[in-house]
N, C-alpha and C. Protein backbone atom coordinates (compact mmCIF):
# COMPACT_ATOMS: atom_id res chain seq x y z
N MET A 1 -54.32 -23.14 1.80
CA MET A 1 -53.48 -23.11 3.00
C MET A 1 -53.95 -24.23 3.93
N THR A 2 -53.01 -24.96 4.47
CA THR A 2 -53.35 -26.08 5.35
C THR A 2 -53.73 -25.57 6.73
N ASP A 3 -54.42 -26.46 7.48
CA ASP A 3 -54.79 -26.11 8.86
C ASP A 3 -53.54 -25.80 9.68
N LYS A 4 -52.46 -26.55 9.44
CA LYS A 4 -51.25 -26.36 10.23
C LYS A 4 -50.63 -24.99 9.96
N ALA A 5 -50.84 -24.46 8.77
CA ALA A 5 -50.25 -23.17 8.42
C ALA A 5 -51.07 -21.98 8.92
N ARG A 6 -52.22 -22.22 9.46
CA ARG A 6 -53.07 -21.14 9.97
C ARG A 6 -52.91 -21.01 11.48
N PHE A 7 -53.18 -19.80 11.96
CA PHE A 7 -53.27 -19.64 13.41
C PHE A 7 -54.47 -20.42 13.91
N ASP A 8 -54.42 -20.88 15.13
CA ASP A 8 -55.56 -21.59 15.68
C ASP A 8 -56.69 -20.61 16.00
N ALA A 9 -57.80 -21.13 16.51
CA ALA A 9 -59.02 -20.34 16.68
C ALA A 9 -58.83 -19.11 17.54
N ASP A 10 -57.93 -19.19 18.51
CA ASP A 10 -57.74 -18.02 19.38
C ASP A 10 -56.58 -17.16 18.90
N SER A 11 -56.41 -17.05 17.59
CA SER A 11 -55.28 -16.30 17.05
C SER A 11 -55.29 -14.83 17.46
N LEU A 12 -56.45 -14.26 17.70
CA LEU A 12 -56.48 -12.85 18.12
C LEU A 12 -55.81 -12.65 19.46
N SER A 13 -55.82 -13.69 20.31
CA SER A 13 -55.14 -13.57 21.60
C SER A 13 -53.64 -13.80 21.44
N ARG A 14 -53.21 -14.17 20.25
CA ARG A 14 -51.81 -14.48 20.00
C ARG A 14 -51.07 -13.34 19.30
N VAL A 15 -51.66 -12.17 19.24
CA VAL A 15 -50.98 -11.03 18.65
C VAL A 15 -50.50 -10.10 19.77
N TYR A 16 -49.45 -9.37 19.47
CA TYR A 16 -48.92 -8.41 20.43
C TYR A 16 -49.83 -7.19 20.47
N PRO A 17 -49.93 -6.55 21.64
CA PRO A 17 -50.74 -5.32 21.72
C PRO A 17 -50.17 -4.25 20.78
N PRO A 18 -51.01 -3.34 20.30
CA PRO A 18 -50.54 -2.31 19.37
C PRO A 18 -49.33 -1.51 19.87
N VAL A 19 -49.27 -1.23 21.17
CA VAL A 19 -48.13 -0.48 21.71
C VAL A 19 -46.84 -1.25 21.49
N LEU A 20 -46.84 -2.55 21.76
CA LEU A 20 -45.63 -3.35 21.57
C LEU A 20 -45.31 -3.54 20.10
N GLN A 21 -46.34 -3.61 19.26
CA GLN A 21 -46.08 -3.67 17.82
C GLN A 21 -45.36 -2.40 17.38
N ALA A 22 -45.85 -1.26 17.82
CA ALA A 22 -45.22 0.01 17.45
C ALA A 22 -43.79 0.09 17.97
N LEU A 23 -43.58 -0.31 19.23
CA LEU A 23 -42.23 -0.28 19.80
C LEU A 23 -41.29 -1.21 19.04
N HIS A 24 -41.79 -2.36 18.62
CA HIS A 24 -40.97 -3.30 17.84
C HIS A 24 -40.48 -2.64 16.56
N TRP A 25 -41.41 -2.03 15.82
CA TRP A 25 -41.04 -1.45 14.53
C TRP A 25 -40.20 -0.18 14.69
N ILE A 26 -40.46 0.60 15.73
CA ILE A 26 -39.62 1.78 16.00
C ILE A 26 -38.20 1.33 16.35
N THR A 27 -38.09 0.31 17.19
CA THR A 27 -36.77 -0.22 17.55
C THR A 27 -36.05 -0.72 16.31
N ALA A 28 -36.76 -1.46 15.45
CA ALA A 28 -36.16 -1.97 14.22
C ALA A 28 -35.64 -0.83 13.35
N LEU A 29 -36.45 0.22 13.18
CA LEU A 29 -36.02 1.37 12.38
C LEU A 29 -34.79 2.03 12.98
N LEU A 30 -34.76 2.16 14.30
CA LEU A 30 -33.61 2.78 14.95
C LEU A 30 -32.35 1.93 14.79
N VAL A 31 -32.50 0.61 14.88
CA VAL A 31 -31.34 -0.28 14.68
C VAL A 31 -30.83 -0.13 13.25
N PHE A 32 -31.76 -0.09 12.28
CA PHE A 32 -31.34 0.08 10.89
C PHE A 32 -30.78 1.48 10.62
N ALA A 33 -31.13 2.45 11.43
CA ALA A 33 -30.59 3.81 11.28
C ALA A 33 -29.21 3.94 11.93
N ILE A 34 -29.02 3.30 13.08
CA ILE A 34 -27.77 3.48 13.82
C ILE A 34 -26.58 2.84 13.11
N LEU A 35 -26.83 1.77 12.37
CA LEU A 35 -25.72 1.07 11.71
C LEU A 35 -25.04 1.94 10.65
N PRO A 36 -25.76 2.51 9.68
CA PRO A 36 -25.06 3.36 8.71
C PRO A 36 -24.46 4.62 9.34
N VAL A 37 -25.08 5.12 10.38
CA VAL A 37 -24.49 6.27 11.08
C VAL A 37 -23.12 5.87 11.63
N ALA A 38 -23.03 4.67 12.21
CA ALA A 38 -21.75 4.19 12.74
C ALA A 38 -20.73 4.02 11.63
N TRP A 39 -21.14 3.45 10.51
CA TRP A 39 -20.21 3.25 9.40
C TRP A 39 -19.68 4.58 8.88
N VAL A 40 -20.56 5.57 8.73
CA VAL A 40 -20.14 6.88 8.24
C VAL A 40 -19.24 7.55 9.26
N MET A 41 -19.61 7.49 10.52
CA MET A 41 -18.84 8.16 11.57
C MET A 41 -17.41 7.62 11.64
N ILE A 42 -17.25 6.32 11.43
CA ILE A 42 -15.91 5.71 11.46
C ILE A 42 -15.14 6.03 10.18
N ALA A 43 -15.84 6.13 9.06
CA ALA A 43 -15.19 6.37 7.77
C ALA A 43 -14.75 7.82 7.58
N LEU A 44 -15.39 8.74 8.28
CA LEU A 44 -15.04 10.16 8.12
C LEU A 44 -13.63 10.43 8.65
N PRO A 45 -12.91 11.33 8.00
CA PRO A 45 -11.62 11.75 8.56
C PRO A 45 -11.84 12.44 9.90
N ARG A 46 -10.93 12.24 10.82
CA ARG A 46 -11.06 12.81 12.18
C ARG A 46 -11.27 14.32 12.15
N GLU A 47 -10.71 15.00 11.16
CA GLU A 47 -10.82 16.45 11.11
C GLU A 47 -12.11 16.93 10.44
N SER A 48 -12.95 16.01 9.98
CA SER A 48 -14.21 16.39 9.34
C SER A 48 -15.12 17.10 10.35
N PRO A 49 -15.79 18.17 9.92
CA PRO A 49 -16.71 18.85 10.82
C PRO A 49 -17.94 18.00 11.16
N TRP A 50 -18.16 16.92 10.44
CA TRP A 50 -19.32 16.06 10.66
C TRP A 50 -19.09 14.97 11.69
N VAL A 51 -17.84 14.73 12.06
CA VAL A 51 -17.54 13.63 12.98
C VAL A 51 -18.29 13.79 14.30
N GLY A 52 -18.21 14.94 14.91
CA GLY A 52 -18.88 15.17 16.19
C GLY A 52 -20.39 14.98 16.09
N THR A 53 -20.97 15.48 15.02
CA THR A 53 -22.41 15.33 14.82
C THR A 53 -22.79 13.87 14.66
N MET A 54 -22.01 13.13 13.88
CA MET A 54 -22.32 11.71 13.67
C MET A 54 -22.18 10.92 14.97
N PHE A 55 -21.16 11.22 15.77
CA PHE A 55 -21.02 10.55 17.07
C PHE A 55 -22.20 10.87 17.97
N MET A 56 -22.62 12.15 17.97
CA MET A 56 -23.76 12.55 18.81
C MET A 56 -25.03 11.82 18.38
N ILE A 57 -25.26 11.73 17.06
CA ILE A 57 -26.44 11.03 16.56
C ILE A 57 -26.37 9.55 16.92
N HIS A 58 -25.20 8.94 16.72
CA HIS A 58 -25.02 7.51 17.03
C HIS A 58 -25.29 7.24 18.52
N LYS A 59 -24.72 8.05 19.37
CA LYS A 59 -24.92 7.87 20.82
C LYS A 59 -26.39 8.10 21.20
N SER A 60 -27.00 9.11 20.60
CA SER A 60 -28.41 9.41 20.91
C SER A 60 -29.32 8.28 20.47
N LEU A 61 -29.08 7.73 19.29
CA LEU A 61 -29.87 6.59 18.83
C LEU A 61 -29.66 5.39 19.76
N GLY A 62 -28.42 5.18 20.20
CA GLY A 62 -28.14 4.09 21.13
C GLY A 62 -28.87 4.24 22.45
N VAL A 63 -28.88 5.45 22.99
CA VAL A 63 -29.61 5.71 24.24
C VAL A 63 -31.11 5.47 24.03
N THR A 64 -31.63 5.89 22.88
CA THR A 64 -33.05 5.69 22.59
C THR A 64 -33.38 4.21 22.48
N ILE A 65 -32.54 3.46 21.77
CA ILE A 65 -32.75 2.01 21.66
C ILE A 65 -32.74 1.37 23.04
N PHE A 66 -31.76 1.76 23.86
CA PHE A 66 -31.67 1.22 25.22
C PHE A 66 -32.96 1.49 26.00
N ALA A 67 -33.44 2.73 25.95
CA ALA A 67 -34.66 3.08 26.69
C ALA A 67 -35.87 2.28 26.19
N LEU A 68 -35.99 2.13 24.88
CA LEU A 68 -37.11 1.36 24.32
C LEU A 68 -37.04 -0.11 24.72
N VAL A 69 -35.84 -0.68 24.68
CA VAL A 69 -35.69 -2.10 25.04
C VAL A 69 -35.99 -2.30 26.53
N VAL A 70 -35.52 -1.40 27.37
CA VAL A 70 -35.82 -1.51 28.81
C VAL A 70 -37.33 -1.41 29.02
N PHE A 71 -37.98 -0.48 28.34
CA PHE A 71 -39.43 -0.35 28.46
C PHE A 71 -40.13 -1.62 27.99
N ARG A 72 -39.67 -2.17 26.86
CA ARG A 72 -40.28 -3.41 26.35
C ARG A 72 -40.11 -4.56 27.33
N LEU A 73 -38.93 -4.66 27.95
CA LEU A 73 -38.70 -5.73 28.92
C LEU A 73 -39.55 -5.53 30.17
N PHE A 74 -39.69 -4.28 30.59
CA PHE A 74 -40.54 -3.97 31.73
C PHE A 74 -41.98 -4.38 31.43
N TRP A 75 -42.47 -4.00 30.25
CA TRP A 75 -43.83 -4.35 29.83
C TRP A 75 -43.98 -5.87 29.78
N ARG A 76 -42.97 -6.54 29.24
CA ARG A 76 -42.99 -8.00 29.10
C ARG A 76 -43.07 -8.68 30.46
N ALA A 77 -42.41 -8.08 31.46
CA ALA A 77 -42.45 -8.64 32.82
C ALA A 77 -43.84 -8.51 33.42
N ILE A 78 -44.52 -7.42 33.11
CA ILE A 78 -45.86 -7.19 33.64
C ILE A 78 -46.90 -7.98 32.85
N GLU A 79 -46.77 -7.95 31.54
CA GLU A 79 -47.72 -8.64 30.66
C GLU A 79 -46.93 -9.55 29.72
N PRO A 80 -46.87 -10.84 30.03
CA PRO A 80 -46.09 -11.76 29.19
C PRO A 80 -46.56 -11.73 27.73
N PRO A 81 -45.65 -12.05 26.82
CA PRO A 81 -46.03 -12.03 25.40
C PRO A 81 -47.10 -13.07 25.10
N PRO A 82 -47.83 -12.88 24.02
CA PRO A 82 -48.85 -13.87 23.66
C PRO A 82 -48.19 -15.22 23.38
N PRO A 83 -48.92 -16.30 23.61
CA PRO A 83 -48.33 -17.62 23.36
C PRO A 83 -47.99 -17.79 21.88
N LEU A 84 -47.00 -18.62 21.64
CA LEU A 84 -46.63 -18.92 20.26
C LEU A 84 -47.74 -19.74 19.60
N PRO A 85 -47.89 -19.62 18.30
CA PRO A 85 -48.93 -20.39 17.62
C PRO A 85 -48.66 -21.89 17.69
N TRP A 86 -49.72 -22.66 17.67
CA TRP A 86 -49.60 -24.11 17.77
C TRP A 86 -48.91 -24.70 16.55
N SER A 87 -48.88 -23.97 15.44
CA SER A 87 -48.31 -24.50 14.20
C SER A 87 -46.79 -24.59 14.24
N LEU A 88 -46.15 -24.00 15.24
CA LEU A 88 -44.69 -24.07 15.33
C LEU A 88 -44.25 -25.45 15.78
N GLU A 89 -43.21 -25.93 15.14
CA GLU A 89 -42.57 -27.17 15.59
C GLU A 89 -41.85 -26.85 16.90
N PRO A 90 -41.62 -27.86 17.76
CA PRO A 90 -40.91 -27.58 19.02
C PRO A 90 -39.56 -26.90 18.82
N TRP A 91 -38.81 -27.32 17.81
CA TRP A 91 -37.51 -26.70 17.57
C TRP A 91 -37.66 -25.24 17.16
N GLU A 92 -38.74 -24.91 16.42
CA GLU A 92 -38.97 -23.53 16.02
C GLU A 92 -39.32 -22.66 17.23
N ALA A 93 -40.13 -23.19 18.11
CA ALA A 93 -40.50 -22.45 19.32
C ALA A 93 -39.27 -22.19 20.18
N LEU A 94 -38.42 -23.22 20.33
CA LEU A 94 -37.19 -23.05 21.11
C LEU A 94 -36.26 -22.04 20.45
N ALA A 95 -36.09 -22.15 19.14
CA ALA A 95 -35.24 -21.21 18.40
C ALA A 95 -35.76 -19.78 18.53
N ALA A 96 -37.08 -19.61 18.48
CA ALA A 96 -37.67 -18.28 18.61
C ALA A 96 -37.38 -17.70 19.99
N LYS A 97 -37.57 -18.51 21.03
CA LYS A 97 -37.34 -18.02 22.39
C LYS A 97 -35.87 -17.66 22.62
N ILE A 98 -34.96 -18.53 22.17
CA ILE A 98 -33.53 -18.27 22.36
C ILE A 98 -33.09 -17.05 21.56
N SER A 99 -33.50 -16.98 20.29
CA SER A 99 -33.04 -15.86 19.46
C SER A 99 -33.61 -14.53 19.95
N HIS A 100 -34.86 -14.53 20.43
CA HIS A 100 -35.42 -13.29 20.98
C HIS A 100 -34.67 -12.87 22.24
N ALA A 101 -34.36 -13.82 23.11
CA ALA A 101 -33.62 -13.50 24.34
C ALA A 101 -32.25 -12.92 24.00
N LEU A 102 -31.55 -13.55 23.05
CA LEU A 102 -30.22 -13.06 22.68
C LEU A 102 -30.29 -11.71 21.99
N LEU A 103 -31.34 -11.48 21.23
CA LEU A 103 -31.52 -10.18 20.58
C LEU A 103 -31.72 -9.09 21.64
N TYR A 104 -32.52 -9.37 22.65
CA TYR A 104 -32.69 -8.41 23.75
C TYR A 104 -31.36 -8.16 24.45
N VAL A 105 -30.59 -9.22 24.70
CA VAL A 105 -29.30 -9.06 25.38
C VAL A 105 -28.39 -8.14 24.58
N ILE A 106 -28.25 -8.41 23.29
CA ILE A 106 -27.32 -7.59 22.49
C ILE A 106 -27.83 -6.16 22.34
N LEU A 107 -29.16 -5.97 22.32
CA LEU A 107 -29.70 -4.61 22.23
C LEU A 107 -29.56 -3.84 23.54
N LEU A 108 -29.20 -4.53 24.61
CA LEU A 108 -28.85 -3.87 25.86
C LEU A 108 -27.33 -3.70 25.98
N VAL A 109 -26.59 -4.73 25.60
CA VAL A 109 -25.13 -4.70 25.72
C VAL A 109 -24.52 -3.60 24.86
N MET A 110 -25.02 -3.43 23.65
CA MET A 110 -24.42 -2.43 22.76
C MET A 110 -24.54 -1.00 23.30
N PRO A 111 -25.71 -0.53 23.71
CA PRO A 111 -25.75 0.83 24.24
C PRO A 111 -24.99 0.98 25.57
N ILE A 112 -25.04 -0.05 26.40
CA ILE A 112 -24.31 0.03 27.67
C ILE A 112 -22.81 0.12 27.41
N SER A 113 -22.30 -0.75 26.54
CA SER A 113 -20.86 -0.72 26.25
C SER A 113 -20.48 0.58 25.54
N GLY A 114 -21.35 1.08 24.67
CA GLY A 114 -21.08 2.36 24.01
C GLY A 114 -21.05 3.51 24.99
N PHE A 115 -21.98 3.51 25.94
CA PHE A 115 -21.99 4.56 26.96
C PHE A 115 -20.72 4.50 27.80
N ILE A 116 -20.36 3.30 28.26
CA ILE A 116 -19.14 3.15 29.08
C ILE A 116 -17.91 3.58 28.29
N LEU A 117 -17.84 3.17 27.02
CA LEU A 117 -16.72 3.57 26.17
C LEU A 117 -16.58 5.08 26.12
N SER A 118 -17.68 5.78 25.88
CA SER A 118 -17.63 7.25 25.80
C SER A 118 -17.38 7.89 27.15
N ALA A 119 -18.18 7.50 28.13
CA ALA A 119 -18.12 8.16 29.43
C ALA A 119 -16.78 7.92 30.13
N ALA A 120 -16.25 6.71 30.04
CA ALA A 120 -14.97 6.40 30.70
C ALA A 120 -13.78 6.95 29.91
N SER A 121 -14.03 7.44 28.70
CA SER A 121 -12.98 8.09 27.89
C SER A 121 -13.06 9.60 27.99
N ASN A 122 -13.92 10.08 28.88
CA ASN A 122 -14.12 11.51 29.07
C ASN A 122 -14.74 12.19 27.84
N HIS A 123 -15.56 11.42 27.10
CA HIS A 123 -16.32 11.97 25.98
C HIS A 123 -17.79 11.97 26.41
N PRO A 124 -18.38 13.13 26.58
CA PRO A 124 -19.76 13.17 27.07
C PRO A 124 -20.74 12.53 26.09
N VAL A 125 -21.81 11.98 26.65
CA VAL A 125 -22.90 11.43 25.85
C VAL A 125 -24.00 12.49 25.85
N VAL A 126 -24.09 13.20 24.74
CA VAL A 126 -25.06 14.28 24.59
C VAL A 126 -26.23 13.73 23.79
N TYR A 127 -27.43 13.85 24.35
CA TYR A 127 -28.63 13.28 23.72
C TYR A 127 -29.26 14.31 22.80
N PHE A 128 -29.05 14.13 21.49
CA PHE A 128 -29.62 15.00 20.45
C PHE A 128 -29.48 16.49 20.78
N ASN A 129 -28.37 16.86 21.36
CA ASN A 129 -28.09 18.25 21.76
C ASN A 129 -29.12 18.82 22.73
N LEU A 130 -29.85 17.94 23.43
CA LEU A 130 -30.85 18.39 24.39
C LEU A 130 -30.30 18.40 25.81
N PHE A 131 -29.57 17.36 26.17
CA PHE A 131 -28.98 17.25 27.51
C PHE A 131 -27.82 16.27 27.46
N THR A 132 -27.01 16.32 28.50
CA THR A 132 -25.85 15.44 28.60
C THR A 132 -26.10 14.44 29.71
N LEU A 133 -25.87 13.16 29.41
CA LEU A 133 -26.01 12.13 30.43
C LEU A 133 -24.87 12.25 31.43
N PRO A 134 -25.12 11.87 32.69
CA PRO A 134 -24.03 11.90 33.67
C PRO A 134 -22.87 11.03 33.20
N GLY A 135 -21.67 11.50 33.44
CA GLY A 135 -20.48 10.79 32.99
C GLY A 135 -19.97 9.79 34.00
N LEU A 136 -18.81 9.27 33.71
CA LEU A 136 -18.09 8.36 34.60
C LEU A 136 -16.71 8.93 34.83
N PRO A 137 -16.05 8.53 35.91
CA PRO A 137 -14.65 8.93 36.06
C PRO A 137 -13.84 8.35 34.90
N GLU A 138 -12.87 9.10 34.44
CA GLU A 138 -12.04 8.61 33.35
C GLU A 138 -11.35 7.32 33.78
N ASN A 139 -11.42 6.30 32.93
CA ASN A 139 -10.88 4.98 33.26
C ASN A 139 -10.50 4.31 31.94
N LYS A 140 -9.23 4.45 31.56
CA LYS A 140 -8.78 3.95 30.26
C LYS A 140 -8.97 2.43 30.12
N PRO A 141 -8.59 1.60 31.10
CA PRO A 141 -8.80 0.15 30.94
C PRO A 141 -10.29 -0.21 30.77
N LEU A 142 -11.16 0.45 31.51
CA LEU A 142 -12.59 0.19 31.38
C LEU A 142 -13.08 0.61 29.99
N ALA A 143 -12.63 1.77 29.53
CA ALA A 143 -13.02 2.25 28.20
C ALA A 143 -12.53 1.30 27.11
N GLU A 144 -11.32 0.79 27.26
CA GLU A 144 -10.78 -0.14 26.26
C GLU A 144 -11.55 -1.45 26.25
N ALA A 145 -11.92 -1.95 27.42
CA ALA A 145 -12.72 -3.18 27.50
C ALA A 145 -14.10 -2.96 26.87
N ALA A 146 -14.70 -1.81 27.15
CA ALA A 146 -16.01 -1.49 26.58
C ALA A 146 -15.91 -1.35 25.07
N GLU A 147 -14.82 -0.78 24.59
CA GLU A 147 -14.63 -0.64 23.14
C GLU A 147 -14.54 -2.00 22.46
N LYS A 148 -13.77 -2.91 23.05
CA LYS A 148 -13.66 -4.26 22.49
C LYS A 148 -15.03 -4.94 22.44
N LEU A 149 -15.79 -4.81 23.51
CA LEU A 149 -17.12 -5.41 23.55
C LEU A 149 -18.05 -4.76 22.52
N HIS A 150 -17.96 -3.44 22.40
CA HIS A 150 -18.83 -2.71 21.48
C HIS A 150 -18.50 -3.07 20.02
N VAL A 151 -17.23 -3.13 19.71
CA VAL A 151 -16.81 -3.47 18.34
C VAL A 151 -17.18 -4.92 18.01
N ALA A 152 -16.93 -5.84 18.94
CA ALA A 152 -17.30 -7.24 18.71
C ALA A 152 -18.81 -7.40 18.67
N GLY A 153 -19.50 -6.63 19.48
CA GLY A 153 -20.96 -6.73 19.56
C GLY A 153 -21.67 -6.39 18.28
N GLN A 154 -21.03 -5.55 17.44
CA GLN A 154 -21.69 -5.22 16.17
C GLN A 154 -21.95 -6.47 15.35
N TRP A 155 -21.04 -7.44 15.43
CA TRP A 155 -21.22 -8.68 14.66
C TRP A 155 -22.39 -9.48 15.22
N ALA A 156 -22.57 -9.43 16.52
CA ALA A 156 -23.74 -10.10 17.12
C ALA A 156 -25.03 -9.41 16.68
N VAL A 157 -25.00 -8.08 16.57
CA VAL A 157 -26.18 -7.36 16.09
C VAL A 157 -26.51 -7.82 14.67
N TYR A 158 -25.51 -7.85 13.80
CA TYR A 158 -25.75 -8.30 12.42
C TYR A 158 -26.32 -9.71 12.42
N ALA A 159 -25.72 -10.59 13.23
CA ALA A 159 -26.14 -12.00 13.26
C ALA A 159 -27.58 -12.14 13.76
N PHE A 160 -27.90 -11.53 14.90
CA PHE A 160 -29.22 -11.73 15.49
C PHE A 160 -30.32 -11.01 14.74
N VAL A 161 -30.03 -9.83 14.22
CA VAL A 161 -31.03 -9.14 13.40
C VAL A 161 -31.24 -9.93 12.10
N GLY A 162 -30.14 -10.40 11.51
CA GLY A 162 -30.25 -11.22 10.31
C GLY A 162 -31.03 -12.50 10.56
N LEU A 163 -30.76 -13.14 11.69
CA LEU A 163 -31.49 -14.36 12.05
C LEU A 163 -32.98 -14.08 12.24
N HIS A 164 -33.28 -12.95 12.86
CA HIS A 164 -34.68 -12.54 13.07
C HIS A 164 -35.39 -12.36 11.72
N ILE A 165 -34.72 -11.69 10.80
CA ILE A 165 -35.29 -11.46 9.47
C ILE A 165 -35.42 -12.77 8.70
N LEU A 166 -34.40 -13.62 8.79
CA LEU A 166 -34.47 -14.93 8.11
C LEU A 166 -35.61 -15.78 8.67
N GLY A 167 -35.79 -15.73 9.99
CA GLY A 167 -36.90 -16.48 10.59
C GLY A 167 -38.24 -15.99 10.08
N THR A 168 -38.37 -14.69 9.95
CA THR A 168 -39.62 -14.13 9.41
C THR A 168 -39.81 -14.56 7.96
N ALA A 169 -38.73 -14.49 7.17
CA ALA A 169 -38.80 -14.92 5.77
C ALA A 169 -39.17 -16.40 5.67
N TRP A 170 -38.62 -17.22 6.56
CA TRP A 170 -38.94 -18.65 6.59
C TRP A 170 -40.45 -18.86 6.74
N HIS A 171 -41.03 -18.10 7.66
CA HIS A 171 -42.47 -18.25 7.90
C HIS A 171 -43.30 -17.70 6.74
N LEU A 172 -42.86 -16.61 6.14
CA LEU A 172 -43.62 -16.02 5.03
C LEU A 172 -43.52 -16.83 3.74
N ILE A 173 -42.30 -17.27 3.43
CA ILE A 173 -42.05 -17.88 2.13
C ILE A 173 -42.16 -19.40 2.15
N VAL A 174 -41.56 -20.03 3.17
CA VAL A 174 -41.52 -21.49 3.21
C VAL A 174 -42.77 -22.06 3.87
N LYS A 175 -43.03 -21.64 5.09
CA LYS A 175 -44.18 -22.19 5.83
C LYS A 175 -45.51 -21.57 5.40
N ARG A 176 -45.43 -20.35 4.90
CA ARG A 176 -46.63 -19.62 4.46
C ARG A 176 -47.68 -19.55 5.58
N ASP A 177 -47.20 -19.25 6.78
CA ASP A 177 -48.14 -19.11 7.90
C ASP A 177 -48.31 -17.63 8.23
N ALA A 178 -49.09 -17.35 9.21
CA ALA A 178 -49.45 -15.96 9.53
C ALA A 178 -48.67 -15.42 10.72
N ILE A 179 -47.45 -15.91 10.93
CA ILE A 179 -46.69 -15.51 12.11
C ILE A 179 -46.45 -14.00 12.14
N LEU A 180 -46.29 -13.37 10.98
CA LEU A 180 -46.04 -11.93 10.94
C LEU A 180 -47.24 -11.14 11.46
N ASN A 181 -48.43 -11.73 11.43
CA ASN A 181 -49.61 -11.04 11.95
C ASN A 181 -49.49 -10.74 13.44
N ARG A 182 -48.63 -11.48 14.14
CA ARG A 182 -48.43 -11.23 15.58
C ARG A 182 -47.87 -9.84 15.84
N MET A 183 -47.11 -9.32 14.87
CA MET A 183 -46.39 -8.07 15.09
C MET A 183 -46.78 -6.98 14.10
N THR A 184 -47.92 -7.16 13.44
CA THR A 184 -48.40 -6.12 12.52
C THR A 184 -49.84 -5.77 12.86
N PRO A 185 -50.26 -4.55 12.52
CA PRO A 185 -51.65 -4.16 12.78
C PRO A 185 -52.62 -5.09 12.05
N PRO A 186 -53.83 -5.22 12.57
CA PRO A 186 -54.81 -6.11 11.92
C PRO A 186 -55.05 -5.70 10.47
N GLN A 187 -55.15 -6.68 9.64
CA GLN A 187 -55.40 -6.46 8.21
C GLN A 187 -56.81 -6.95 7.89
N ILE A 188 -57.42 -6.39 6.88
CA ILE A 188 -58.72 -6.88 6.42
C ILE A 188 -58.45 -8.13 5.60
N ASN A 189 -59.05 -9.23 5.99
CA ASN A 189 -58.82 -10.51 5.33
C ASN A 189 -59.58 -10.53 4.01
N ALA A 190 -58.85 -10.77 2.92
CA ALA A 190 -59.46 -10.78 1.59
C ALA A 190 -60.11 -12.11 1.26
N ASP A 191 -59.91 -13.12 2.10
CA ASP A 191 -60.49 -14.45 1.82
C ASP A 191 -61.99 -14.43 1.90
């Protein structure tokens, strides 16, 4: 492995704290869970007894993702992320910053638009059958606008999550650097 492919000497300061690592992977799992729930919920016949349950699960996962992303952004404001490794080319560093920012935006826009779609359509947002979020006054034009944004936003989720995964694959397979170590628990080095 070349020097350029390794983290620099202060690589330990370039990893995310364990709490943020855990939140990253929990958020990723929830995003990967919410997508098939949405596909099933839309594919089910309206009269299916499972439709209501699937909508409740989808909304609950969305609220959870929203809360985790807000917490992550709050944490990020208090404690900035570790610096990027020196081995990144300037274009890679810029691409990482832009794609992460857009990923955060879409992970906020989707639950907000989903909440507005439901609440403004007079469909309560029930969180895992534990409690109901406060609603909104019924507003058909607002609900329709939120629905358009939510439906279009799914493509942005696919794009940005896919880009995030491709970027990781680029570093693992092509560059063969240790960028993934920033977001994974410490490993025992076999070298």
